[in-house]
Amino acid sequence: MEYVDIMVFIPFFSKKKIIYFMDEFLRDYVSSEEYYESPKYSSPIIFETENFSEMWNFVLEKRGRSFTFYFENNKNETCPKAVIQINNDGSTCLVLIASIDYEEQCKSDLIKAYPDEKCIVSHNFYFMPFSREDFEEGLRNS
């Protein structure tokens, strides 16, 4: 099956918008990771845990705590994966990975939920931006 990435980019830290995405779009999804450390792949490690809720609360506690959460729902064939990436500058990428047949519906749902934010659809592998500037540069170059 062919999949597409549908991403909403929020240029500032909004705990409310992140939690809304989790509550409205990721019901029945589970984290695809078993171990969490922040920052990822660099030293010194500030926080580490095996508990998703602990890492979730740590990252959402204040702006500047970056982390990428990966989710999956094996029972959902139309949209089996999702990602929440929170960047150091607080900008956030909310991503649904949907089957190509579900692209328009999924995009419409995200635009309706986040009418003030940009929604990008990628049929190729698209790197999620790590800052507002990175996102804007990507838009200019596409």
Protein backbone atom coordinates (compact mmCIF):
# COMPACT_ATOMS: atom_id res chain seq x y z
CA MET A 1 0.00 0.00 0.00
CA GLU A 2 1.24 3.50 -0.82
CA TYR A 3 1.32 6.13 1.94
CA VAL A 4 1.57 9.90 2.09
CA ASP A 5 2.71 12.23 4.89
CA ILE A 6 0.23 14.95 5.79
CA MET A 7 1.77 17.51 8.10
CA VAL A 8 0.53 20.56 9.95
CA PHE A 9 3.30 22.94 10.93
CA ILE A 10 2.75 25.15 13.99
CA PRO A 11 5.40 27.90 14.11
CA PHE A 12 5.25 28.39 17.89
CA PHE A 13 4.90 26.26 21.01
CA SER A 14 1.24 25.51 21.70
CA LYS A 15 0.64 22.85 24.29
CA LYS A 16 -3.10 23.18 23.62
CA LYS A 17 -2.72 22.41 19.89
CA ILE A 18 -0.41 19.47 20.54
CA ILE A 19 -2.76 17.93 23.09
CA TYR A 20 -5.73 18.51 20.76
CA PHE A 21 -3.93 16.57 17.99
CA MET A 22 -3.20 13.73 20.39
CA ASP A 23 -6.79 13.62 21.71
CA GLU A 24 -8.62 14.05 18.40
CA PHE A 25 -6.40 12.30 15.86
CA LEU A 26 -4.39 9.73 17.79
CA ARG A 27 -6.99 7.85 19.80
CA ASP A 28 -6.02 4.16 19.92
CA TYR A 29 -2.46 4.93 18.77
CA VAL A 30 0.49 3.78 20.87
CA SER A 31 4.03 4.99 21.02
CA SER A 32 6.29 2.92 18.80
CA GLU A 33 9.24 3.45 21.14
CA GLU A 34 10.13 1.72 24.38
CA TYR A 35 12.81 4.08 25.65
CA TYR A 36 12.90 7.88 25.68
CA GLU A 37 15.82 10.23 26.19
CA SER A 38 16.12 13.96 25.76
CA PRO A 39 17.95 15.27 23.93
CA LYS A 40 17.98 12.35 21.54
CA TYR A 41 21.37 11.12 20.34
CA SER A 42 23.43 13.77 22.13
CA SER A 43 24.96 14.54 25.47
CA PRO A 44 24.36 15.38 28.17
CA ILE A 45 21.05 13.59 28.57
CA ILE A 46 18.71 15.79 30.57
CA PHE A 47 15.84 13.34 31.00
CA GLU A 48 15.35 9.65 30.27
CA THR A 49 12.60 7.17 30.98
CA GLU A 50 10.87 4.04 29.73
CA ASN A 51 7.48 5.60 30.40
CA PHE A 52 5.76 7.47 27.54
CA SER A 53 3.61 9.58 29.88
CA GLU A 54 6.64 10.79 31.80
CA MET A 55 8.41 11.90 28.61
CA TRP A 56 5.21 13.44 27.23
CA ASN A 57 4.72 15.48 30.39
CA PHE A 58 8.40 16.47 30.51
CA VAL A 59 8.40 17.76 26.91
CA LEU A 60 5.09 19.61 27.26
CA GLU A 61 6.04 21.17 30.59
CA LYS A 62 7.83 24.08 28.93
CA ARG A 63 9.00 25.41 25.57
CA GLY A 64 12.45 24.38 24.37
CA ARG A 65 12.27 20.68 25.19
CA SER A 66 12.51 19.08 21.80
CA PHE A 67 11.47 15.52 21.09
CA THR A 68 10.01 13.44 18.27
CA PHE A 69 7.26 11.02 19.24
CA TYR A 70 6.38 8.18 16.83
CA PHE A 71 3.00 6.45 17.00
CA GLU A 72 1.33 3.50 15.33
CA ASN A 73 -2.08 1.93 15.14
CA ASN A 74 -1.97 -1.43 13.41
CA LYS A 75 -5.77 -1.64 13.35
CA ASN A 76 -6.07 1.57 11.31
CA GLU A 77 -5.32 0.70 7.68
CA THR A 78 -6.11 4.19 6.37
CA CYS A 79 -3.72 6.01 8.72
CA PRO A 80 -1.45 3.54 10.53
CA LYS A 81 1.27 5.92 11.73
CA ALA A 82 1.72 9.41 13.11
CA VAL A 83 4.45 11.69 14.40
CA ILE A 84 4.61 14.65 16.77
CA GLN A 85 7.86 16.57 16.51
CA ILE A 86 8.45 19.41 18.95
CA ASN A 87 11.50 21.53 18.08
CA ASN A 88 13.87 23.53 20.29
CA ASP A 89 12.27 26.81 19.18
CA GLY A 90 8.83 25.47 20.09
CA SER A 91 7.69 24.99 16.50
CA THR A 92 5.85 21.73 16.04
CA CYS A 93 5.11 19.25 13.25
CA LEU A 94 1.97 17.16 13.57
CA VAL A 95 2.03 14.36 11.00
CA LEU A 96 -0.44 11.71 9.91
CA ILE A 97 0.87 8.99 7.62
CA ALA A 98 -2.14 7.98 5.57
CA SER A 99 -2.88 5.68 2.66
CA ILE A 100 -2.97 7.53 -0.65
CA ASP A 101 -6.72 6.79 -0.91
CA TYR A 102 -7.35 8.62 2.36
CA GLU A 103 -5.16 11.67 1.57
CA GLU A 104 -7.91 14.19 0.78
CA GLN A 105 -10.06 13.29 3.78
CA CYS A 106 -7.10 13.36 6.14
CA LYS A 107 -5.86 16.70 4.77
CA SER A 108 -9.36 18.16 5.03
CA ASP A 109 -9.67 17.01 8.65
CA LEU A 110 -6.32 18.58 9.58
CA ILE A 111 -7.12 21.86 7.81
CA LYS A 112 -10.46 22.01 9.59
CA ALA A 113 -8.80 21.36 12.96
CA TYR A 114 -5.92 23.80 12.34
CA PRO A 115 -7.26 26.49 9.96
CA ASP A 116 -4.56 29.03 10.85
CA GLU A 117 -1.61 26.70 10.20
CA LYS A 118 0.03 25.46 7.02
CA CYS A 119 -0.75 21.92 5.91
CA ILE A 120 1.79 20.16 3.67
CA VAL A 121 1.31 16.88 1.81
CA SER A 122 4.39 14.91 0.85
CA HIS A 123 4.30 11.98 -1.55
CA ASN A 124 8.05 11.58 -1.14
CA PHE A 125 10.06 11.26 2.01
CA TYR A 126 9.99 14.74 3.54
CA PHE A 127 12.21 15.72 6.43
CA MET A 128 10.27 17.44 9.14
CA PRO A 129 11.65 20.93 9.73
CA PHE A 130 13.60 21.57 12.91
CA SER A 131 12.64 25.25 13.22
CA ARG A 132 10.39 27.96 11.78
CA GLU A 133 13.24 29.10 9.53
CA ASP A 134 13.83 25.56 8.26
CA PHE A 135 10.13 25.22 7.41
CA GLU A 136 9.98 28.57 5.59
CA GLU A 137 13.12 27.75 3.61
CA GLY A 138 11.61 24.42 2.60
CA LEU A 139 8.48 26.19 1.34
CA ARG A 140 10.56 28.63 -0.72
CA ASN A 141 12.56 25.79 -2.29
CA SER A 142 9.59 23.60 -3.16
